[in-house]
Each structure stands twice: as structure tokens, then as C-alpha cells.
Amino acid sequence: MLGKERVTLVGLSLGGGVAMQFAYQFPEWAERLVLVASGGLGKEVSPLLKASAPYASQRSGSV
């Protein structure tokens, strides 16, 4: 991945939810996670966030 082994993820609003999902799915690639006014921190995952990570259920068993 661009010659880097691990990356810092920065997510703003809905991008924060996407960054969290990426870090959850690929912890071997995520060194740090920075969230700014992040979406997706409630008790339920919104349908929009679920749609942004269609392969999460294949990797983790659930979203």
C-alpha cells in the first residue's frame, strides 16, 4: 500500500465512521485513528454506514 506498512486514518463526520470500520476490518494496516466530530458512534450502526463497508460481514462475521 504505497510503500507503507501501516497508516494513520483521519475521519470527519461520516468519514469517521468509515475510518472506524476500516480500522476494525484491517487492524494490521491501521497504526492510528483520528476522529473529528465522527458519525457512527451511537448504539446502532446507520444503514448508510453499513452500506459503506459491504465486505465487513465477510471478514468479521457481522457489522
C-alpha atoms as a PDB file:
ATOM      1  CA  MET A   1       0.000   0.000   0.000  1.00  0.00           C
ATOM      2  CA  LEU A   2       2.010   2.970  -1.310  1.00  0.00           C
ATOM      3  CA  GLY A   3       5.170   1.565   0.238  1.00  0.00           C
ATOM      4  CA  LYS A   4       3.833   1.929   3.791  1.00  0.00           C
ATOM      5  CA  GLU A   5       3.095  -0.931   6.151  1.00  0.00           C
ATOM      6  CA  ARG A   6       0.703   0.971   8.441  1.00  0.00           C
ATOM      7  CA  VAL A   7      -1.272   4.180   8.036  1.00  0.00           C
ATOM      8  CA  THR A   8      -2.868   6.925  10.120  1.00  0.00           C
ATOM      9  CA  LEU A   9      -6.587   7.226   9.408  1.00  0.00           C
ATOM     10  CA  VAL A  10      -8.365  10.575   9.844  1.00  0.00           C
ATOM     11  CA  GLY A  11     -12.142  10.725   9.600  1.00  0.00           C
ATOM     12  CA  LEU A  12     -14.530  13.673   9.761  1.00  0.00           C
ATOM     13  CA  SER A  13     -18.295  13.192  10.262  1.00  0.00           C
ATOM     14  CA  LEU A  14     -19.438  10.173   8.197  1.00  0.00           C
ATOM     15  CA  GLY A  15     -15.801   9.677   7.178  1.00  0.00           C
ATOM     16  CA  GLY A  16     -15.083   8.969  10.846  1.00  0.00           C
ATOM     17  CA  GLY A  17     -17.463   6.030  10.734  1.00  0.00           C
ATOM     18  CA  VAL A  18     -15.839   4.785   7.554  1.00  0.00           C
ATOM     19  CA  ALA A  19     -12.365   5.172   9.115  1.00  0.00           C
ATOM     20  CA  MET A  20     -13.501   3.231  12.209  1.00  0.00           C
ATOM     21  CA  GLN A  21     -14.855   0.442  10.018  1.00  0.00           C
ATOM     22  CA  PHE A  22     -11.588   0.300   8.062  1.00  0.00           C
ATOM     23  CA  ALA A  23      -9.548   0.149  11.284  1.00  0.00           C
ATOM     24  CA  TYR A  24     -11.819  -2.618  12.582  1.00  0.00           C
ATOM     25  CA  GLN A  25     -11.625  -4.624   9.355  1.00  0.00           C
ATOM     26  CA  PHE A  26      -7.896  -4.152   8.743  1.00  0.00           C
ATOM     27  CA  PRO A  27      -6.140  -3.610  12.107  1.00  0.00           C
ATOM     28  CA  GLU A  28      -2.856  -4.755  10.594  1.00  0.00           C
ATOM     29  CA  TRP A  29      -2.891  -1.638   8.373  1.00  0.00           C
ATOM     30  CA  ALA A  30      -4.138   0.934  10.906  1.00  0.00           C
ATOM     31  CA  GLU A  31      -1.490   2.473  13.139  1.00  0.00           C
ATOM     32  CA  ARG A  32      -3.569   5.408  14.415  1.00  0.00           C
ATOM     33  CA  LEU A  33      -7.177   6.566  14.176  1.00  0.00           C
ATOM     34  CA  VAL A  34      -8.121  10.253  14.448  1.00  0.00           C
ATOM     35  CA  LEU A  35     -11.849  11.078  14.681  1.00  0.00           C
ATOM     36  CA  VAL A  36     -13.254  14.602  14.288  1.00  0.00           C
ATOM     37  CA  ALA A  37     -16.993  15.073  15.003  1.00  0.00           C
ATOM     38  CA  SER A  38     -17.384  11.454  13.974  1.00  0.00           C
ATOM     39  CA  GLY A  39     -20.544   9.731  12.838  1.00  0.00           C
ATOM     40  CA  GLY A  40     -21.254   6.119  13.705  1.00  0.00           C
ATOM     41  CA  LEU A  41     -20.604   6.351  17.450  1.00  0.00           C
ATOM     42  CA  GLY A  42     -24.168   5.581  18.576  1.00  0.00           C
ATOM     43  CA  LYS A  43     -25.595   2.268  19.762  1.00  0.00           C
ATOM     44  CA  GLU A  44     -26.804   1.371  16.274  1.00  0.00           C
ATOM     45  CA  VAL A  45     -24.918   1.462  13.004  1.00  0.00           C
ATOM     46  CA  SER A  46     -26.764   3.549  10.427  1.00  0.00           C
ATOM     47  CA  PRO A  47     -27.787   1.933   7.124  1.00  0.00           C
ATOM     48  CA  LEU A  48     -25.575   4.434   5.277  1.00  0.00           C
ATOM     49  CA  LEU A  49     -22.514   3.357   7.281  1.00  0.00           C
ATOM     50  CA  LYS A  50     -23.351  -0.312   6.757  1.00  0.00           C
ATOM     51  CA  ALA A  51     -23.578   0.314   3.019  1.00  0.00           C
ATOM     52  CA  SER A  52     -20.141   1.968   3.041  1.00  0.00           C
ATOM     53  CA  ALA A  53     -18.494  -1.269   4.212  1.00  0.00           C
ATOM     54  CA  PRO A  54     -20.150  -4.078   2.213  1.00  0.00           C
ATOM     55  CA  TYR A  55     -17.431  -6.638   2.948  1.00  0.00           C
ATOM     56  CA  ALA A  56     -17.356  -6.222   6.737  1.00  0.00           C
ATOM     57  CA  SER A  57     -19.656  -9.169   7.346  1.00  0.00           C
ATOM     58  CA  GLN A  58     -17.417 -11.455   5.284  1.00  0.00           C
ATOM     59  CA  ARG A  59     -14.327 -10.551   7.318  1.00  0.00           C
ATOM     60  CA  SER A  60     -15.720 -10.213  10.853  1.00  0.00           C
ATOM     61  CA  GLY A  61     -18.940 -12.209  10.822  1.00  0.00           C
ATOM     62  CA  SER A  62     -21.094  -9.119  11.434  1.00  0.00           C
ATOM     63  CA  VAL A  63     -21.155  -5.359  11.032  1.00  0.00           C
END
